PDB file of N, CA and C in Angstrom:
ATOM      1  N   MET A   1     -15.430 -32.123  97.609  1.00  0.00           N
ATOM      2  CA  MET A   1     -16.547 -31.083  97.307  1.00  0.00           C
ATOM      3  C   MET A   1     -17.304 -31.291  98.816  1.00  0.00           C
ATOM      4  N   LEU A   2     -17.988 -30.059  99.244  1.00  0.00           N
ATOM      5  CA  LEU A   2     -18.433 -30.098 100.429  1.00  0.00           C
ATOM      6  C   LEU A   2     -19.869 -30.735 100.356  1.00  0.00           C
ATOM      7  N   LYS A   3     -19.944 -31.318 101.308  1.00  0.00           N
ATOM      8  CA  LYS A   3     -21.406 -31.997 101.058  1.00  0.00           C
ATOM      9  C   LYS A   3     -21.752 -31.719 102.816  1.00  0.00           C
ATOM     10  N   PRO A   4     -22.153 -30.659 103.077  1.00  0.00           N
ATOM     11  CA  PRO A   4     -22.367 -30.573 104.798  1.00  0.00           C
ATOM     12  C   PRO A   4     -24.030 -31.191 104.665  1.00  0.00           C
ATOM     13  N   SER A   5     -24.188 -31.400 105.879  1.00  0.00           N
ATOM     14  CA  SER A   5     -25.507 -32.384 106.215  1.00  0.00           C
ATOM     15  C   SER A   5     -26.335 -30.889 106.545  1.00  0.00           C
ATOM     16  N   ALA A   6     -27.522 -30.806 106.002  1.00  0.00           N
ATOM     17  CA  ALA A   6     -28.376 -29.597 106.374  1.00  0.00           C
ATOM     18  C   ALA A   6     -28.945 -29.666 107.627  1.00  0.00           C
ATOM     19  N   ASN A   7     -28.899 -30.819 108.594  1.00  0.00           N
ATOM     20  CA  ASN A   7     -29.313 -30.824 109.496  1.00  0.00           C
ATOM     21  C   ASN A   7     -28.355 -29.817 110.471  1.00  0.00           C
ATOM     22  N   MET A   8     -27.198 -29.807 110.273  1.00  0.00           N
ATOM     23  CA  MET A   8     -26.179 -28.879 110.817  1.00  0.00           C
ATOM     24  C   MET A   8     -26.835 -27.472 110.837  1.00  0.00           C
ATOM     25  N   ILE A   9     -27.222 -27.063 109.869  1.00  0.00           N
ATOM     26  CA  ILE A   9     -27.737 -25.622 109.825  1.00  0.00           C
ATOM     27  C   ILE A   9     -29.128 -25.225 109.889  1.00  0.00           C
ATOM     28  N   ARG A  10     -30.211 -26.314 109.584  1.00  0.00           N
ATOM     29  CA  ARG A  10     -31.436 -26.206 109.624  1.00  0.00           C
ATOM     30  C   ARG A  10     -31.907 -26.119 110.841  1.00  0.00           C
ATOM     31  N   THR A  11     -33.171 -25.651 110.743  1.00  0.00           N
ATOM     32  CA  THR A  11     -33.952 -25.419 112.405  1.00  0.00           C
ATOM     33  C   THR A  11     -35.133 -25.802 111.934  1.00  0.00           C
ATOM     34  N   PRO A  12     -36.023 -26.635 112.706  1.00  0.00           N
ATOM     35  CA  PRO A  12     -37.450 -27.179 112.130  1.00  0.00           C
ATOM     36  C   PRO A  12     -38.035 -26.554 111.292  1.00  0.00           C
ATOM     37  N   HIS A  13     -38.214 -24.876 111.159  1.00  0.00           N
ATOM     38  CA  HIS A  13     -38.927 -24.441 110.305  1.00  0.00           C
ATOM     39  C   HIS A  13     -38.307 -23.901 108.876  1.00  0.00           C
ATOM     40  N   ASN A  14     -36.922 -24.135 109.080  1.00  0.00           N
ATOM     41  CA  ASN A  14     -36.722 -23.724 107.651  1.00  0.00           C
ATOM     42  C   ASN A  14     -36.611 -25.019 106.494  1.00  0.00           C
ATOM     43  N   SER A  15     -36.877 -24.528 105.383  1.00  0.00           N
ATOM     44  CA  SER A  15     -37.072 -25.464 104.254  1.00  0.00           C
ATOM     45  C   SER A  15     -35.674 -25.500 103.688  1.00  0.00           C
ATOM     46  N   HIS A  16     -35.464 -26.376 102.803  1.00  0.00           N
ATOM     47  CA  HIS A  16     -34.280 -26.777 102.164  1.00  0.00           C
ATOM     48  C   HIS A  16     -33.795 -25.823 101.080  1.00  0.00           C
ATOM     49  N   TYR A  17     -34.965 -25.132 100.480  1.00  0.00           N
ATOM     50  CA  TYR A  17     -34.892 -24.261  99.489  1.00  0.00           C
ATOM     51  C   TYR A  17     -33.977 -22.856 100.098  1.00  0.00           C
ATOM     52  N   SER A  18     -34.851 -22.544 101.614  1.00  0.00           N
ATOM     53  CA  SER A  18     -34.245 -21.257 102.016  1.00  0.00           C
ATOM     54  C   SER A  18     -32.723 -21.621 102.314  1.00  0.00           C
ATOM     55  N   LEU A  19     -32.448 -22.629 102.864  1.00  0.00           N
ATOM     56  CA  LEU A  19     -30.979 -22.987 103.262  1.00  0.00           C
ATOM     57  C   LEU A  19     -30.160 -22.498 101.697  1.00  0.00           C
ATOM     58  N   VAL A  20     -30.465 -23.317 100.771  1.00  0.00           N
ATOM     59  CA  VAL A  20     -29.852 -22.895  99.721  1.00  0.00           C
ATOM     60  C   VAL A  20     -29.352 -21.716  99.334  1.00  0.00           C
ATOM     61  N   ILE A  21     -30.550 -20.932  99.142  1.00  0.00           N
ATOM     62  CA  ILE A  21     -30.491 -19.560  98.697  1.00  0.00           C
ATOM     63  C   ILE A  21     -29.641 -18.879  99.632  1.00  0.00           C
ATOM     64  N   ALA A  22     -29.982 -19.096 100.995  1.00  0.00           N
ATOM     65  CA  ALA A  22     -29.292 -18.334 102.084  1.00  0.00           C
ATOM     66  C   ALA A  22     -27.715 -18.583 102.170  1.00  0.00           C
ATOM     67  N   VAL A  23     -27.174 -20.067 101.761  1.00  0.00           N
ATOM     68  CA  VAL A  23     -25.976 -20.249 101.623  1.00  0.00           C
ATOM     69  C   VAL A  23     -25.378 -19.423 100.362  1.00  0.00           C
ATOM     70  N   ALA A  24     -26.026 -19.402  99.235  1.00  0.00           N
ATOM     71  CA  ALA A  24     -25.597 -18.944  97.913  1.00  0.00           C
ATOM     72  C   ALA A  24     -25.510 -17.403  98.319  1.00  0.00           C
ATOM     73  N   LYS A  25     -26.248 -16.536  98.764  1.00  0.00           N
ATOM     74  CA  LYS A  25     -26.300 -15.357  99.127  1.00  0.00           C
ATOM     75  C   LYS A  25     -25.182 -14.619  99.893  1.00  0.00           C
ATOM     76  N   ARG A  26     -25.042 -15.717 101.087  1.00  0.00           N
ATOM     77  CA  ARG A  26     -23.823 -15.233 101.821  1.00  0.00           C
ATOM     78  C   ARG A  26     -22.279 -15.476 101.215  1.00  0.00           C
ATOM     79  N   ALA A  27     -22.316 -16.577 100.637  1.00  0.00           N
ATOM     80  CA  ALA A  27     -21.057 -17.060  99.835  1.00  0.00           C
ATOM     81  C   ALA A  27     -20.902 -15.915  98.600  1.00  0.00           C
ATOM     82  N   ARG A  28     -21.560 -15.375  97.935  1.00  0.00           N
ATOM     83  CA  ARG A  28     -21.630 -14.102  96.900  1.00  0.00           C
ATOM     84  C   ARG A  28     -21.236 -12.951  97.733  1.00  0.00           C
ATOM     85  N   GLN A  29     -21.705 -12.580  98.870  1.00  0.00           N
ATOM     86  CA  GLN A  29     -21.296 -11.648  99.762  1.00  0.00           C
ATOM     87  C   GLN A  29     -19.515 -11.716 100.078  1.00  0.00           C
ATOM     88  N   ILE A  30     -19.431 -13.098 100.719  1.00  0.00           N
ATOM     89  CA  ILE A  30     -18.051 -13.331 100.809  1.00  0.00           C
ATOM     90  C   ILE A  30     -16.858 -13.041  99.654  1.00  0.00           C
ATOM     91  N   ALA A  31     -17.309 -13.659  98.599  1.00  0.00           N
ATOM     92  CA  ALA A  31     -16.565 -13.621  97.456  1.00  0.00           C
ATOM     93  C   ALA A  31     -16.208 -11.945  96.981  1.00  0.00           C
ATOM     94  N   GLU A  32     -17.645 -11.165  96.926  1.00  0.00           N
ATOM     95  CA  GLU A  32     -17.438  -9.901  96.614  1.00  0.00           C
ATOM     96  C   GLU A  32     -16.600  -8.868  97.272  1.00  0.00           C
ATOM     97  N   LYS A  33     -16.824  -9.130  98.755  1.00  0.00           N
ATOM     98  CA  LYS A  33     -15.930  -8.552  99.556  1.00  0.00           C
ATOM     99  C   LYS A  33     -14.472  -8.681  99.312  1.00  0.00           C
ATOM    100  N   ALA A  34     -14.079  -9.997  99.181  1.00  0.00           N
ATOM    101  CA  ALA A  34     -12.646 -10.322  99.140  1.00  0.00           C
ATOM    102  C   ALA A  34     -12.085  -9.898  97.881  1.00  0.00           C
ATOM    103  N   GLU A  35     -12.665  -9.800  96.864  1.00  0.00           N
ATOM    104  CA  GLU A  35     -12.468  -9.358  95.526  1.00  0.00           C
ATOM    105  C   GLU A  35     -12.189  -7.645  95.660  1.00  0.00           C
ATOM    106  N   ALA A  36     -13.410  -7.159  96.331  1.00  0.00           N
ATOM    107  CA  ALA A  36     -13.139  -5.802  96.548  1.00  0.00           C
ATOM    108  C   ALA A  36     -11.705  -5.238  97.229  1.00  0.00           C
ATOM    109  N   GLU A  37     -11.594  -6.172  98.230  1.00  0.00           N
ATOM    110  CA  GLU A  37     -10.395  -5.718  98.983  1.00  0.00           C
ATOM    111  C   GLU A  37      -9.184  -6.518  98.283  1.00  0.00           C
ATOM    112  N   GLY A  38      -9.112  -7.122  97.452  1.00  0.00           N
ATOM    113  CA  GLY A  38      -7.909  -7.647  96.841  1.00  0.00           C
ATOM    114  C   GLY A  38      -7.612  -8.854  97.672  1.00  0.00           C
ATOM    115  N   VAL A  39      -8.183  -9.385  98.375  1.00  0.00           N
ATOM    116  CA  VAL A  39      -7.924 -10.597  99.336  1.00  0.00           C
ATOM    117  C   VAL A  39      -8.055 -12.163  98.768  1.00  0.00           C
ATOM    118  N   VAL A  40      -6.919 -12.986  98.694  1.00  0.00           N
ATOM    119  CA  VAL A  40      -6.987 -14.082  98.316  1.00  0.00           C
ATOM    120  C   VAL A  40      -7.708 -15.256  99.034  1.00  0.00           C
ATOM    121  N   LEU A  41      -8.600 -15.913  98.830  1.00  0.00           N
ATOM    122  CA  LEU A  41      -9.532 -16.513  99.748  1.00  0.00           C
ATOM    123  C   LEU A  41      -8.823 -18.164  99.754  1.00  0.00           C
ATOM    124  N   VAL A  42      -8.487 -18.636 100.860  1.00  0.00           N
ATOM    125  CA  VAL A  42      -8.097 -20.240 100.977  1.00  0.00           C
ATOM    126  C   VAL A  42      -8.918 -20.799 100.896  1.00  0.00           C
ATOM    127  N   ASP A  43      -9.916 -20.853 101.678  1.00  0.00           N
ATOM    128  CA  ASP A  43     -11.319 -21.663 101.811  1.00  0.00           C
ATOM    129  C   ASP A  43     -12.175 -20.980 100.485  1.00  0.00           C
ATOM    130  N   LYS A  44     -13.045 -22.062  99.998  1.00  0.00           N
ATOM    131  CA  LYS A  44     -13.892 -21.605  99.000  1.00  0.00           C
ATOM    132  C   LYS A  44     -15.182 -20.925  99.738  1.00  0.00           C
ATOM    133  N   PRO A  45     -15.700 -19.859  98.761  1.00  0.00           N
ATOM    134  CA  PRO A  45     -16.801 -19.020  99.867  1.00  0.00           C
ATOM    135  C   PRO A  45     -18.058 -19.673 100.049  1.00  0.00           C
ATOM    136  N   VAL A  46     -18.236 -20.986  99.508  1.00  0.00           N
ATOM    137  CA  VAL A  46     -19.670 -21.569  99.918  1.00  0.00           C
ATOM    138  C   VAL A  46     -19.152 -22.266 101.422  1.00  0.00           C
ATOM    139  N   ASP A  47     -17.747 -23.006 101.498  1.00  0.00           N
ATOM    140  CA  ASP A  47     -17.610 -23.786 102.717  1.00  0.00           C
ATOM    141  C   ASP A  47     -17.447 -22.317 103.953  1.00  0.00           C
ATOM    142  N   MET A  48     -17.002 -21.190 103.813  1.00  0.00           N
ATOM    143  CA  MET A  48     -17.083 -20.185 104.608  1.00  0.00           C
ATOM    144  C   MET A  48     -18.521 -19.705 105.045  1.00  0.00           C
ATOM    145  N   ALA A  49     -19.798 -19.646 104.053  1.00  0.00           N
ATOM    146  CA  ALA A  49     -20.692 -19.358 104.182  1.00  0.00           C
ATOM    147  C   ALA A  49     -21.178 -20.156 105.066  1.00  0.00           C
ATOM    148  N   VAL A  50     -21.068 -21.708 104.750  1.00  0.00           N
ATOM    149  CA  VAL A  50     -21.794 -22.497 105.600  1.00  0.00           C
ATOM    150  C   VAL A  50     -21.255 -22.553 106.934  1.00  0.00           C
ATOM    151  N   GLN A  51     -20.074 -22.386 106.975  1.00  0.00           N
ATOM    152  CA  GLN A  51     -19.496 -22.505 108.605  1.00  0.00           C
ATOM    153  C   GLN A  51     -20.094 -21.163 109.127  1.00  0.00           C
ATOM    154  N   ASP A  52     -20.372 -19.971 108.821  1.00  0.00           N
ATOM    155  CA  ASP A  52     -21.208 -18.686 109.064  1.00  0.00           C
ATOM    156  C   ASP A  52     -22.503 -19.138 110.170  1.00  0.00           C
ATOM    157  N   PHE A  53     -22.960 -19.863 109.164  1.00  0.00           N
ATOM    158  CA  PHE A  53     -24.579 -20.475 109.502  1.00  0.00           C
ATOM    159  C   PHE A  53     -24.492 -21.274 110.748  1.00  0.00           C
ATOM    160  N   VAL A  54     -23.486 -22.141 110.625  1.00  0.00           N
ATOM    161  CA  VAL A  54     -23.022 -23.407 111.780  1.00  0.00           C
ATOM    162  C   VAL A  54     -22.801 -22.705 112.984  1.00  0.00           C
ATOM    163  N   GLN A  55     -22.017 -21.666 113.167  1.00  0.00           N
ATOM    164  CA  GLN A  55     -21.529 -21.132 114.093  1.00  0.00           C
ATOM    165  C   GLN A  55     -22.609 -20.062 114.618  1.00  0.00           C
ATOM    166  N   GLY A  56     -23.592 -19.803 113.953  1.00  0.00           N
ATOM    167  CA  GLY A  56     -24.623 -19.314 114.397  1.00  0.00           C
ATOM    168  C   GLY A  56     -24.441 -17.404 114.112  1.00  0.00           C
ATOM    169  N   LYS A  57     -23.508 -17.263 113.201  1.00  0.00           N
ATOM    170  CA  LYS A  57     -23.218 -15.849 112.886  1.00  0.00           C
ATOM    171  C   LYS A  57     -24.257 -15.051 112.121  1.00  0.00           C
ATOM    172  N   TYR A  58     -24.675 -15.998 111.315  1.00  0.00           N
ATOM    173  CA  TYR A  58     -25.945 -15.447 110.718  1.00  0.00           C
ATOM    174  C   TYR A  58     -27.184 -16.566 110.837  1.00  0.00           C
ATOM    175  N   VAL A  59     -28.450 -15.975 110.697  1.00  0.00           N
ATOM    176  CA  VAL A  59     -29.413 -17.120 110.910  1.00  0.00           C
ATOM    177  C   VAL A  59     -30.413 -16.798 109.606  1.00  0.00           C
ATOM    178  N   ILE A  60     -31.147 -17.878 109.385  1.00  0.00           N
ATOM    179  CA  ILE A  60     -32.035 -17.939 108.271  1.00  0.00           C
ATOM    180  C   ILE A  60     -33.588 -17.826 108.570  1.00  0.00           C
ATOM    181  N   GLU A  61     -34.446 -16.623 108.367  1.00  0.00           N
ATOM    182  CA  GLU A  61     -35.575 -16.127 108.859  1.00  0.00           C
ATOM    183  C   GLU A  61     -36.418 -16.362 107.596  1.00  0.00           C
ATOM    184  N   GLU A  62     -37.370 -16.941 107.856  1.00  0.00           N
ATOM    185  CA  GLU A  62     -38.785 -17.346 107.226  1.00  0.00           C
ATOM    186  C   GLU A  62     -40.137 -16.887 107.592  1.00  0.00           C
ATOM    187  N   PRO A  63     -40.859 -16.487 107.027  1.00  0.00           N
ATOM    188  CA  PRO A  63     -42.296 -15.969 107.175  1.00  0.00           C
ATOM    189  C   PRO A  63     -42.838 -17.326 107.985  1.00  0.00           C
ATOM    190  N   ASP A  64     -43.665 -16.956 108.705  1.00  0.00           N
ATOM    191  CA  ASP A  64     -44.653 -18.321 109.391  1.00  0.00           C
ATOM    192  C   ASP A  64     -45.326 -18.968 108.577  1.00  0.00           C
ATOM    193  N   HIS A  65     -45.915 -18.386 107.469  1.00  0.00           N
ATOM    194  CA  HIS A  65     -46.637 -18.753 106.419  1.00  0.00           C
ATOM    195  C   HIS A  65     -46.640 -17.846 105.094  1.00  0.00           C
ATOM    196  N   PHE A  66     -47.148 -18.589 104.310  1.00  0.00           N
ATOM    197  CA  PHE A  66     -47.116 -17.755 102.838  1.00  0.00           C
ATOM    198  C   PHE A  66     -48.656 -17.097 102.776  1.00  0.00           C
ATOM    199  N   GLN A  67     -48.718 -15.884 102.090  1.00  0.00           N
ATOM    200  CA  GLN A  67     -50.128 -15.676 101.616  1.00  0.00           C
ATOM    201  C   GLN A  67     -50.182 -15.593 100.206  1.00  0.00           C
ATOM    202  N   ASP A  68     -51.358 -16.191  99.693  1.00  0.00           N
ATOM    203  CA  ASP A  68     -51.505 -16.155  98.125  1.00  0.00           C
ATOM    204  C   ASP A  68     -51.903 -14.625  97.754  1.00  0.00           C
ATOM    205  N   GLU A  69     -51.313 -13.931  96.844  1.00  0.00           N
ATOM    206  CA  GLU A  69     -51.550 -12.587  96.283  1.00  0.00           C
ATOM    207  C   GLU A  69     -52.490 -12.614  95.490  1.00  0.00           C
ATOM    208  N   GLU A  70     -53.766 -12.241  95.366  1.00  0.00           N
ATOM    209  CA  GLU A  70     -54.993 -12.152  94.571  1.00  0.00           C
ATOM    210  C   GLU A  70     -54.923 -11.128  93.853  1.00  0.00           C
TER     211      GLU A  70
END
């Protein structure tokens, strides 16, 4: 089981929630692309997604602050 340290990916402003959502979305993209192309993946999509973020291929962007909608 993959248990990467969140510190490998996170920057000071990223929340744990953002990290989880970003990795899940990227893993889904990887899996869907492989399925569409008929490619058999050796590594798990989540492992590949984490590596994309660690290597800086993708970054997590969050707004500076959240505004309440009224």
